[in-house]
């Protein structure tokens, strides 16, 4: 069961002046043993447990921007002070001023155990930029310097993990509490992210019908996202109907990844349905 709050990514994000509901989007591409995912909408904290579980041992926080922790000059506090305020156990590796202004890098790197990631991203605050990469538990300062150099010299659309050897299993970038970019060597992680997005979308629809701050809804088993990924690499989804007992989601396969300026398709190829009472998911051809 996953707890979905009323202030989650699907609840607070919208499209255009008409404030249309933000859709589920998911795109996956596999090449040379790694999978690249572009998806939305999810806040980093809504995926924290998946990323923590997938970590090689530790997680390096290499970039963090937020309006939730500001100093007297209205600048984001260093990541180490944010972690200290939240009571998160971690080590701090300073990079220095050379990293300032480099996209995807902060002036210091935090290294924490994977099980500390949900504590860092606990839902009480929001990063609008966050970059994570997993590293071995015994990662050395020299290796972190090398990691920062690779991150700082890799173009946005270039594969990253191949430049790091076998030391990292995933790289994650979250933007605007909504957009997700992920590169991973773990073949199960893309399906887990897609399953989580379906759960968050369905949960947001149920939460909007209740008076509470959150609801608990079940995730689909791996069979559902795996079926979608085997059918097509690019998907978009939107809530069709929602009650406190049943949520249906229209899913359409796309020829290429969805962009914000692309109108939502009026057709659907499949329908995913969550029976809230029974806690079961099913998927059927759209009628």
C-alpha atoms as a PDB file:
ATOM      1  CA  UNK A   1       0.000   0.000   0.000  1.00  0.00           C
ATOM      2  CA  UNK A   2       1.217   3.476  -0.886  1.00  0.00           C
ATOM      3  CA  UNK A   3       0.197   6.646   0.935  1.00  0.00           C
ATOM      4  CA  UNK A   4      -0.799   9.344  -1.538  1.00  0.00           C
ATOM      5  CA  UNK A   5      -1.223  12.871  -0.246  1.00  0.00           C
ATOM      6  CA  UNK A   6      -3.585  15.570  -1.425  1.00  0.00           C
ATOM      7  CA  UNK A   7      -0.567  17.751  -2.262  1.00  0.00           C
ATOM      8  CA  UNK A   8       1.225  15.237  -4.491  1.00  0.00           C
ATOM      9  CA  UNK A   9       2.577  15.960  -7.952  1.00  0.00           C
ATOM     10  CA  UNK A  10      -0.594  14.984  -9.813  1.00  0.00           C
ATOM     11  CA  UNK A  11      -2.717  17.083  -7.463  1.00  0.00           C
ATOM     12  CA  UNK A  12      -0.752  20.345  -7.602  1.00  0.00           C
ATOM     13  CA  UNK A  13       0.549  20.377 -11.187  1.00  0.00           C
ATOM     14  CA  UNK A  14      -1.656  21.429 -14.090  1.00  0.00           C
ATOM     15  CA  UNK A  15      -1.438  22.430 -17.758  1.00  0.00           C
ATOM     16  CA  UNK A  16      -1.985  25.866 -19.244  1.00  0.00           C
ATOM     17  CA  UNK A  17      -4.338  28.683 -18.402  1.00  0.00           C
ATOM     18  CA  UNK A  18      -7.232  26.234 -18.284  1.00  0.00           C
ATOM     19  CA  UNK A  19      -5.434  24.373 -15.480  1.00  0.00           C
ATOM     20  CA  UNK A  20      -6.103  20.983 -17.011  1.00  0.00           C
ATOM     21  CA  UNK A  21      -5.102  17.960 -14.912  1.00  0.00           C
ATOM     22  CA  UNK A  22      -1.483  16.964 -15.433  1.00  0.00           C
ATOM     23  CA  UNK A  23      -1.238  13.585 -17.219  1.00  0.00           C
ATOM     24  CA  UNK A  24       0.859  10.573 -16.434  1.00  0.00           C
ATOM     25  CA  UNK A  25       3.685  10.355 -18.965  1.00  0.00           C
ATOM     26  CA  UNK A  26       6.261   7.622 -19.313  1.00  0.00           C
ATOM     27  CA  UNK A  27       8.942   6.891 -21.878  1.00  0.00           C
ATOM     28  CA  UNK A  28      11.641   4.225 -21.738  1.00  0.00           C
ATOM     29  CA  UNK A  29      14.595   3.443 -23.989  1.00  0.00           C
ATOM     30  CA  UNK A  30      17.090   0.591 -23.549  1.00  0.00           C
ATOM     31  CA  UNK A  31      20.605   0.617 -24.985  1.00  0.00           C
ATOM     32  CA  UNK A  32      23.785  -1.248 -24.068  1.00  0.00           C
ATOM     33  CA  UNK A  33      22.433  -2.603 -20.808  1.00  0.00           C
ATOM     34  CA  UNK A  34      21.015   0.635 -19.425  1.00  0.00           C
ATOM     35  CA  UNK A  35      17.500   2.030 -19.431  1.00  0.00           C
ATOM     36  CA  UNK A  36      16.680   5.725 -19.787  1.00  0.00           C
ATOM     37  CA  UNK A  37      13.319   6.893 -18.468  1.00  0.00           C
ATOM     38  CA  UNK A  38      11.560  10.235 -18.833  1.00  0.00           C
ATOM     39  CA  UNK A  39       8.367  10.456 -16.803  1.00  0.00           C
ATOM     40  CA  UNK A  40       5.911  12.648 -14.912  1.00  0.00           C
ATOM     41  CA  UNK A  41       4.450  13.574 -12.632  1.00  0.00           C
ATOM     42  CA  UNK A  42       6.207  12.720  -9.383  1.00  0.00           C
ATOM     43  CA  UNK A  43       7.811  14.578  -6.534  1.00  0.00           C
ATOM     44  CA  UNK A  44      11.171  13.144  -5.541  1.00  0.00           C
ATOM     45  CA  UNK A  45       9.808  12.049  -2.169  1.00  0.00           C
ATOM     46  CA  UNK A  46       7.149   9.957  -3.904  1.00  0.00           C
ATOM     47  CA  UNK A  47       9.931   7.810  -5.410  1.00  0.00           C
ATOM     48  CA  UNK A  48      12.419   7.935  -2.521  1.00  0.00           C
ATOM     49  CA  UNK A  49      11.823   4.380  -1.286  1.00  0.00           C
ATOM     50  CA  UNK A  50      12.240   2.931  -4.798  1.00  0.00           C
ATOM     51  CA  UNK A  51      15.523   4.759  -5.302  1.00  0.00           C
ATOM     52  CA  UNK A  52      16.790   3.916  -1.824  1.00  0.00           C
ATOM     53  CA  UNK A  53      16.070   0.226  -2.364  1.00  0.00           C
ATOM     54  CA  UNK A  54      17.784   0.277  -5.784  1.00  0.00           C
ATOM     55  CA  UNK A  55      20.958   1.906  -4.451  1.00  0.00           C
ATOM     56  CA  UNK A  56      24.306   0.152  -4.694  1.00  0.00           C
ATOM     57  CA  UNK A  57      24.726   0.800  -0.972  1.00  0.00           C
ATOM     58  CA  UNK A  58      24.727   4.560  -0.571  1.00  0.00           C
ATOM     59  CA  UNK A  59      23.163   7.491  -2.368  1.00  0.00           C
ATOM     60  CA  UNK A  60      25.066  10.631  -3.306  1.00  0.00           C
ATOM     61  CA  UNK A  61      23.060  13.851  -3.359  1.00  0.00           C
ATOM     62  CA  UNK A  62      25.028  15.807  -5.953  1.00  0.00           C
ATOM     63  CA  UNK A  63      22.602  18.671  -6.573  1.00  0.00           C
ATOM     64  CA  UNK A  64      19.816  20.182  -4.496  1.00  0.00           C
ATOM     65  CA  UNK A  65      17.833  23.396  -4.979  1.00  0.00           C
ATOM     66  CA  UNK A  66      14.795  24.318  -2.905  1.00  0.00           C
ATOM     67  CA  UNK A  67      12.817  27.289  -1.678  1.00  0.00           C
ATOM     68  CA  UNK A  68      11.980  25.434   1.536  1.00  0.00           C
ATOM     69  CA  UNK A  69      15.353  26.138   3.227  1.00  0.00           C
ATOM     70  CA  UNK A  70      16.692  29.656   2.610  1.00  0.00           C
ATOM     71  CA  UNK A  71      19.330  31.775   4.333  1.00  0.00           C
ATOM     72  CA  UNK A  72      19.069  35.471   5.203  1.00  0.00           C
ATOM     73  CA  UNK A  73      19.963  36.344   1.589  1.00  0.00           C
ATOM     74  CA  UNK A  74      17.173  34.145   0.212  1.00  0.00           C
ATOM     75  CA  UNK A  75      19.666  31.611  -1.095  1.00  0.00           C
ATOM     76  CA  UNK A  76      19.207  27.857  -0.716  1.00  0.00           C
ATOM     77  CA  UNK A  77      21.021  26.486   2.322  1.00  0.00           C
ATOM     78  CA  UNK A  78      23.888  24.064   1.658  1.00  0.00           C
ATOM     79  CA  UNK A  79      22.648  20.457   1.434  1.00  0.00           C
ATOM     80  CA  UNK A  80      24.543  19.542   4.615  1.00  0.00           C
ATOM     81  CA  UNK A  81      22.594  22.099   6.679  1.00  0.00           C
ATOM     82  CA  UNK A  82      19.307  20.846   5.226  1.00  0.00           C
ATOM     83  CA  UNK A  83      20.228  17.260   6.127  1.00  0.00           C
ATOM     84  CA  UNK A  84      21.238  18.329   9.640  1.00  0.00           C
ATOM     85  CA  UNK A  85      17.925  20.140  10.147  1.00  0.00           C
ATOM     86  CA  UNK A  86      16.081  16.962   9.132  1.00  0.00           C
ATOM     87  CA  UNK A  87      18.219  14.701  11.317  1.00  0.00           C
ATOM     88  CA  UNK A  88      19.587  12.726   8.356  1.00  0.00           C
ATOM     89  CA  UNK A  89      22.833  10.823   8.929  1.00  0.00           C
ATOM     90  CA  UNK A  90      25.287  11.501   6.121  1.00  0.00           C
ATOM     91  CA  UNK A  91      28.861  12.402   5.262  1.00  0.00           C
ATOM     92  CA  UNK A  92      29.751  15.610   3.430  1.00  0.00           C
ATOM     93  CA  UNK A  93      32.251  15.899   0.593  1.00  0.00           C
ATOM     94  CA  UNK A  94      33.050  19.505  -0.394  1.00  0.00           C
ATOM     95  CA  UNK A  95      33.630  20.237  -4.068  1.00  0.00           C
ATOM     96  CA  UNK A  96      34.286  23.937  -3.728  1.00  0.00           C
ATOM     97  CA  UNK A  97      33.387  26.975  -5.794  1.00  0.00           C
ATOM     98  CA  UNK A  98      34.384  25.353  -9.111  1.00  0.00           C
ATOM     99  CA  UNK A  99      31.128  23.366  -9.009  1.00  0.00           C
ATOM    100  CA  UNK A 100      28.995  26.472  -8.465  1.00  0.00           C
ATOM    101  CA  UNK A 101      26.833  27.170 -11.484  1.00  0.00           C
ATOM    102  CA  UNK A 102      27.445  23.731 -13.010  1.00  0.00           C
ATOM    103  CA  UNK A 103      24.099  22.148 -13.850  1.00  0.00           C
ATOM    104  CA  UNK A 104      23.501  19.019 -11.797  1.00  0.00           C
ATOM    105  CA  UNK A 105      26.168  19.801  -9.188  1.00  0.00           C
ATOM    106  CA  UNK A 106      26.193  21.554  -5.821  1.00  0.00           C
ATOM    107  CA  UNK A 107      29.309  22.811  -4.020  1.00  0.00           C
ATOM    108  CA  UNK A 108      29.152  19.744  -1.786  1.00  0.00           C
ATOM    109  CA  UNK A 109      28.050  16.144  -2.108  1.00  0.00           C
ATOM    110  CA  UNK A 110      26.083  14.345   0.579  1.00  0.00           C
ATOM    111  CA  UNK A 111      26.539  10.586   0.918  1.00  0.00           C
ATOM    112  CA  UNK A 112      23.880   8.705   2.870  1.00  0.00           C
ATOM    113  CA  UNK A 113      22.660   5.149   3.232  1.00  0.00           C
ATOM    114  CA  UNK A 114      19.833   4.242   0.893  1.00  0.00           C
ATOM    115  CA  UNK A 115      17.418   3.773   3.789  1.00  0.00           C
ATOM    116  CA  UNK A 116      18.024   7.422   4.808  1.00  0.00           C
ATOM    117  CA  UNK A 117      16.717   8.779   1.505  1.00  0.00           C
ATOM    118  CA  UNK A 118      13.011   8.634   2.505  1.00  0.00           C
ATOM    119  CA  UNK A 119      13.946  10.487   5.693  1.00  0.00           C
ATOM    120  CA  UNK A 120      15.649  13.231   3.686  1.00  0.00           C
ATOM    121  CA  UNK A 121      12.736  13.467   1.250  1.00  0.00           C
ATOM    122  CA  UNK A 122      10.085  13.194   3.943  1.00  0.00           C
ATOM    123  CA  UNK A 123       7.357  15.303   2.324  1.00  0.00           C
ATOM    124  CA  UNK A 124       7.722  18.270   4.691  1.00  0.00           C
ATOM    125  CA  UNK A 125       9.642  20.238   2.043  1.00  0.00           C
ATOM    126  CA  UNK A 126      10.183  20.133  -1.735  1.00  0.00           C
ATOM    127  CA  UNK A 127      13.305  20.369  -3.887  1.00  0.00           C
ATOM    128  CA  UNK A 128      12.677  21.952  -7.273  1.00  0.00           C
ATOM    129  CA  UNK A 129      15.978  20.522  -8.541  1.00  0.00           C
ATOM    130  CA  UNK A 130      17.494  17.315  -7.236  1.00  0.00           C
ATOM    131  CA  UNK A 131      20.153  15.007  -8.639  1.00  0.00           C
ATOM    132  CA  UNK A 132      20.994  11.650  -7.073  1.00  0.00           C
ATOM    133  CA  UNK A 133      23.365   8.873  -8.009  1.00  0.00           C
ATOM    134  CA  UNK A 134      24.070   5.691  -6.090  1.00  0.00           C
ATOM    135  CA  UNK A 135      27.598   4.867  -5.004  1.00  0.00           C
ATOM    136  CA  UNK A 136      29.295   2.044  -3.053  1.00  0.00           C
ATOM    137  CA  UNK A 137      29.220   2.285   0.738  1.00  0.00           C
ATOM    138  CA  UNK A 138      33.017   2.609   0.823  1.00  0.00           C
ATOM    139  CA  UNK A 139      33.179   5.336  -1.841  1.00  0.00           C
ATOM    140  CA  UNK A 140      36.359   7.408  -1.496  1.00  0.00           C
ATOM    141  CA  UNK A 141      36.732  11.199  -1.704  1.00  0.00           C
ATOM    142  CA  UNK A 142      38.798  10.711  -4.870  1.00  0.00           C
ATOM    143  CA  UNK A 143      35.992   8.723  -6.452  1.00  0.00           C
ATOM    144  CA  UNK A 144      33.478  11.433  -5.563  1.00  0.00           C
ATOM    145  CA  UNK A 145      35.712  14.013  -7.266  1.00  0.00           C
ATOM    146  CA  UNK A 146      35.812  11.806 -10.364  1.00  0.00           C
ATOM    147  CA  UNK A 147      32.047  11.411 -10.212  1.00  0.00           C
ATOM    148  CA  UNK A 148      31.564  15.170 -10.039  1.00  0.00           C
ATOM    149  CA  UNK A 149      33.888  15.676 -13.006  1.00  0.00           C
ATOM    150  CA  UNK A 150      31.947  13.195 -15.111  1.00  0.00           C
ATOM    151  CA  UNK A 151      28.620  14.750 -14.142  1.00  0.00           C
ATOM    152  CA  UNK A 152      29.891  18.225 -14.901  1.00  0.00           C
ATOM    153  CA  UNK A 153      31.227  17.312 -18.351  1.00  0.00           C
ATOM    154  CA  UNK A 154      28.424  15.053 -19.639  1.00  0.00           C
ATOM    155  CA  UNK A 155      25.880  16.673 -21.943  1.00  0.00           C
ATOM    156  CA  UNK A 156      22.238  16.512 -20.914  1.00  0.00           C
ATOM    157  CA  UNK A 157      21.308  13.943 -23.581  1.00  0.00           C
ATOM    158  CA  UNK A 158      24.457  11.804 -23.272  1.00  0.00           C
ATOM    159  CA  UNK A 159      24.438   8.415 -21.508  1.00  0.00           C
ATOM    160  CA  UNK A 160      26.095   8.834 -18.121  1.00  0.00           C
ATOM    161  CA  UNK A 161      26.435   5.485 -16.370  1.00  0.00           C
ATOM    162  CA  UNK A 162      28.717   4.059 -19.056  1.00  0.00           C
ATOM    163  CA  UNK A 163      31.301   6.702 -18.150  1.00  0.00           C
ATOM    164  CA  UNK A 164      31.295   5.587 -14.504  1.00  0.00           C
ATOM    165  CA  UNK A 165      32.237   1.928 -14.883  1.00  0.00           C
ATOM    166  CA  UNK A 166      30.177  -0.438 -12.736  1.00  0.00           C
ATOM    167  CA  UNK A 167      30.151   1.655  -9.573  1.00  0.00           C
ATOM    168  CA  UNK A 168      26.660   3.149  -9.991  1.00  0.00           C
ATOM    169  CA  UNK A 169      23.313   1.559 -10.832  1.00  0.00           C
ATOM    170  CA  UNK A 170      21.198   4.668 -11.315  1.00  0.00           C
ATOM    171  CA  UNK A 171      21.227   8.419 -11.890  1.00  0.00           C
ATOM    172  CA  UNK A 172      18.075  10.365 -11.024  1.00  0.00           C
ATOM    173  CA  UNK A 173      17.122  13.939 -11.787  1.00  0.00           C
ATOM    174  CA  UNK A 174      13.917  15.560 -10.527  1.00  0.00           C
ATOM    175  CA  UNK A 175      12.722  18.948 -11.741  1.00  0.00           C
ATOM    176  CA  UNK A 176       9.962  21.326 -10.599  1.00  0.00           C
ATOM    177  CA  UNK A 177       8.467  18.733  -8.194  1.00  0.00           C
ATOM    178  CA  UNK A 178       7.162  16.989 -11.302  1.00  0.00           C
ATOM    179  CA  UNK A 179       9.486  15.797 -14.072  1.00  0.00           C
ATOM    180  CA  UNK A 180      11.608  12.667 -13.649  1.00  0.00           C
ATOM    181  CA  UNK A 181      14.685  11.626 -15.592  1.00  0.00           C
ATOM    182  CA  UNK A 182      16.284   8.304 -14.741  1.00  0.00           C
ATOM    183  CA  UNK A 183      19.144   6.255 -16.122  1.00  0.00           C
ATOM    184  CA  UNK A 184      19.575   2.808 -14.600  1.00  0.00           C
ATOM    185  CA  UNK A 185      21.251  -0.556 -14.971  1.00  0.00           C
ATOM    186  CA  UNK A 186      18.457  -2.173 -12.942  1.00  0.00           C
ATOM    187  CA  UNK A 187      15.959  -3.616 -15.445  1.00  0.00           C
ATOM    188  CA  UNK A 188      13.228  -3.743 -12.769  1.00  0.00           C
ATOM    189  CA  UNK A 189      13.424  -0.051 -11.820  1.00  0.00           C
ATOM    190  CA  UNK A 190      11.634   1.432 -14.892  1.00  0.00           C
ATOM    191  CA  UNK A 191       8.649  -0.868 -14.307  1.00  0.00           C
ATOM    192  CA  UNK A 192       8.622   0.016 -10.612  1.00  0.00           C
ATOM    193  CA  UNK A 193       8.555   3.734 -11.470  1.00  0.00           C
ATOM    194  CA  UNK A 194       5.678   3.230 -13.923  1.00  0.00           C
ATOM    195  CA  UNK A 195       3.735   1.223 -11.328  1.00  0.00           C
ATOM    196  CA  UNK A 196       4.300   4.001  -8.791  1.00  0.00           C
ATOM    197  CA  UNK A 197       3.077   6.668 -11.242  1.00  0.00           C
ATOM    198  CA  UNK A 198      -0.139   4.720 -11.872  1.00  0.00           C
ATOM    199  CA  UNK A 199      -0.641   4.420  -8.115  1.00  0.00           C
ATOM    200  CA  UNK A 200       0.011   8.117  -7.525  1.00  0.00           C
ATOM    201  CA  UNK A 201      -2.418   9.117 -10.283  1.00  0.00           C
ATOM    202  CA  UNK A 202      -5.168   6.820  -8.999  1.00  0.00           C
ATOM    203  CA  UNK A 203      -4.482   7.833  -5.399  1.00  0.00           C
ATOM    204  CA  UNK A 204      -4.672  11.533  -6.234  1.00  0.00           C
ATOM    205  CA  UNK A 205      -8.120  10.986  -7.740  1.00  0.00           C
ATOM    206  CA  UNK A 206      -9.337   9.153  -4.620  1.00  0.00           C
ATOM    207  CA  UNK A 207      -7.748  11.710  -2.275  1.00  0.00           C
ATOM    208  CA  UNK A 208      -9.629  14.516  -4.023  1.00  0.00           C
ATOM    209  CA  UNK A 209     -12.914  12.820  -3.041  1.00  0.00           C
ATOM    210  CA  UNK A 210     -12.086  12.546   0.665  1.00  0.00           C
ATOM    211  CA  UNK A 211     -11.678  14.954   3.557  1.00  0.00           C
ATOM    212  CA  UNK A 212      -8.374  13.510   4.741  1.00  0.00           C
ATOM    213  CA  UNK A 213      -4.856  14.678   3.962  1.00  0.00           C
ATOM    214  CA  UNK A 214      -3.935  11.374   2.302  1.00  0.00           C
ATOM    215  CA  UNK A 215      -5.214   7.970   1.250  1.00  0.00           C
ATOM    216  CA  UNK A 216      -3.605   4.545   1.048  1.00  0.00           C
ATOM    217  CA  UNK A 217      -3.939   2.673  -2.217  1.00  0.00           C
ATOM    218  CA  UNK A 218      -2.333  -0.537  -3.523  1.00  0.00           C
ATOM    219  CA  UNK A 219       0.299  -0.629  -6.238  1.00  0.00           C
ATOM    220  CA  UNK A 220      -0.148  -2.895  -9.263  1.00  0.00           C
ATOM    221  CA  UNK A 221       2.111  -5.917  -9.523  1.00  0.00           C
ATOM    222  CA  UNK A 222       5.055  -5.859 -11.957  1.00  0.00           C
ATOM    223  CA  UNK A 223       2.929  -7.592 -14.597  1.00  0.00           C
ATOM    224  CA  UNK A 224       0.987  -4.398 -15.366  1.00  0.00           C
ATOM    225  CA  UNK A 225       3.883  -1.994 -16.101  1.00  0.00           C
ATOM    226  CA  UNK A 226       5.801  -4.789 -17.812  1.00  0.00           C
ATOM    227  CA  UNK A 227       2.852  -5.376 -20.137  1.00  0.00           C
ATOM    228  CA  UNK A 228       2.654  -1.678 -20.956  1.00  0.00           C
ATOM    229  CA  UNK A 229       6.398  -1.460 -21.637  1.00  0.00           C
ATOM    230  CA  UNK A 230       6.266  -4.552 -23.851  1.00  0.00           C
ATOM    231  CA  UNK A 231       3.395  -3.021 -25.845  1.00  0.00           C
ATOM    232  CA  UNK A 232       4.931   0.415 -26.464  1.00  0.00           C
ATOM    233  CA  UNK A 233       7.822   2.526 -25.104  1.00  0.00           C
ATOM    234  CA  UNK A 234       5.891   5.800 -24.778  1.00  0.00           C
ATOM    235  CA  UNK A 235       2.645   6.255 -22.829  1.00  0.00           C
ATOM    236  CA  UNK A 236       0.344   8.954 -21.598  1.00  0.00           C
ATOM    237  CA  UNK A 237      -2.483   8.451 -19.112  1.00  0.00           C
ATOM    238  CA  UNK A 238      -5.304  10.410 -17.523  1.00  0.00           C
ATOM    239  CA  UNK A 239      -8.056   9.630 -15.027  1.00  0.00           C
ATOM    240  CA  UNK A 240     -11.276   8.679 -16.791  1.00  0.00           C
ATOM    241  CA  UNK A 241     -13.622   8.041 -13.857  1.00  0.00           C
ATOM    242  CA  UNK A 242     -13.061   8.091 -10.112  1.00  0.00           C
ATOM    243  CA  UNK A 243     -15.085   7.113  -7.068  1.00  0.00           C
ATOM    244  CA  UNK A 244     -13.974   6.000  -3.622  1.00  0.00           C
ATOM    245  CA  UNK A 245     -14.448   2.404  -4.857  1.00  0.00           C
ATOM    246  CA  UNK A 246     -13.119   2.451  -8.445  1.00  0.00           C
ATOM    247  CA  UNK A 247     -10.642   4.494 -10.489  1.00  0.00           C
ATOM    248  CA  UNK A 248     -10.163   4.025 -14.230  1.00  0.00           C
ATOM    249  CA  UNK A 249      -7.231   5.459 -16.169  1.00  0.00           C
ATOM    250  CA  UNK A 250      -7.191   5.938 -19.951  1.00  0.00           C
ATOM    251  CA  UNK A 251      -3.801   5.009 -21.433  1.00  0.00           C
ATOM    252  CA  UNK A 252      -2.648   5.925 -24.928  1.00  0.00           C
ATOM    253  CA  UNK A 253       0.539   4.770 -26.644  1.00  0.00           C
ATOM    254  CA  UNK A 254       2.452   7.579 -28.354  1.00  0.00           C
ATOM    255  CA  UNK A 255       4.934   7.520 -31.261  1.00  0.00           C
ATOM    256  CA  UNK A 256       7.447   9.554 -29.230  1.00  0.00           C
ATOM    257  CA  UNK A 257       7.798  10.913 -25.687  1.00  0.00           C
ATOM    258  CA  UNK A 258       5.081  13.330 -24.585  1.00  0.00           C
ATOM    259  CA  UNK A 259       5.962  17.003 -24.279  1.00  0.00           C
ATOM    260  CA  UNK A 260       4.140  19.704 -22.362  1.00  0.00           C
ATOM    261  CA  UNK A 261       3.126  21.522 -25.553  1.00  0.00           C
ATOM    262  CA  UNK A 262       1.618  18.385 -27.154  1.00  0.00           C
ATOM    263  CA  UNK A 263      -2.208  18.190 -26.790  1.00  0.00           C
ATOM    264  CA  UNK A 264      -3.480  15.246 -24.827  1.00  0.00           C
ATOM    265  CA  UNK A 265      -4.796  12.501 -27.125  1.00  0.00           C
ATOM    266  CA  UNK A 266      -8.541  12.010 -27.146  1.00  0.00           C
ATOM    267  CA  UNK A 267      -8.291   8.286 -27.835  1.00  0.00           C
ATOM    268  CA  UNK A 268      -7.145   5.485 -25.527  1.00  0.00           C
ATOM    269  CA  UNK A 269      -5.572   2.127 -26.292  1.00  0.00           C
ATOM    270  CA  UNK A 270      -5.923   0.518 -22.871  1.00  0.00           C
ATOM    271  CA  UNK A 271      -7.768   1.140 -19.624  1.00  0.00           C
ATOM    272  CA  UNK A 272      -6.176   0.461 -16.243  1.00  0.00           C
ATOM    273  CA  UNK A 273      -8.658   0.069 -13.386  1.00  0.00           C
ATOM    274  CA  UNK A 274      -8.074   0.030  -9.649  1.00  0.00           C
ATOM    275  CA  UNK A 275     -10.694  -1.577  -7.425  1.00  0.00           C
ATOM    276  CA  UNK A 276      -9.985   0.381  -4.261  1.00  0.00           C
ATOM    277  CA  UNK A 277     -11.983  -1.914  -1.963  1.00  0.00           C
ATOM    278  CA  UNK A 278     -10.463  -5.177  -3.239  1.00  0.00           C
ATOM    279  CA  UNK A 279      -7.029  -3.668  -3.778  1.00  0.00           C
ATOM    280  CA  UNK A 280      -6.743  -5.159  -7.262  1.00  0.00           C
ATOM    281  CA  UNK A 281      -5.696  -3.729 -10.620  1.00  0.00           C
ATOM    282  CA  UNK A 282      -6.735  -4.892 -14.070  1.00  0.00           C
ATOM    283  CA  UNK A 283      -6.001  -3.717 -17.581  1.00  0.00           C
ATOM    284  CA  UNK A 284      -8.330  -4.074 -20.572  1.00  0.00           C
ATOM    285  CA  UNK A 285      -8.578  -2.805 -24.151  1.00  0.00           C
ATOM    286  CA  UNK A 286     -10.255   0.616 -24.227  1.00  0.00           C
ATOM    287  CA  UNK A 287     -13.905   0.417 -25.211  1.00  0.00           C
END
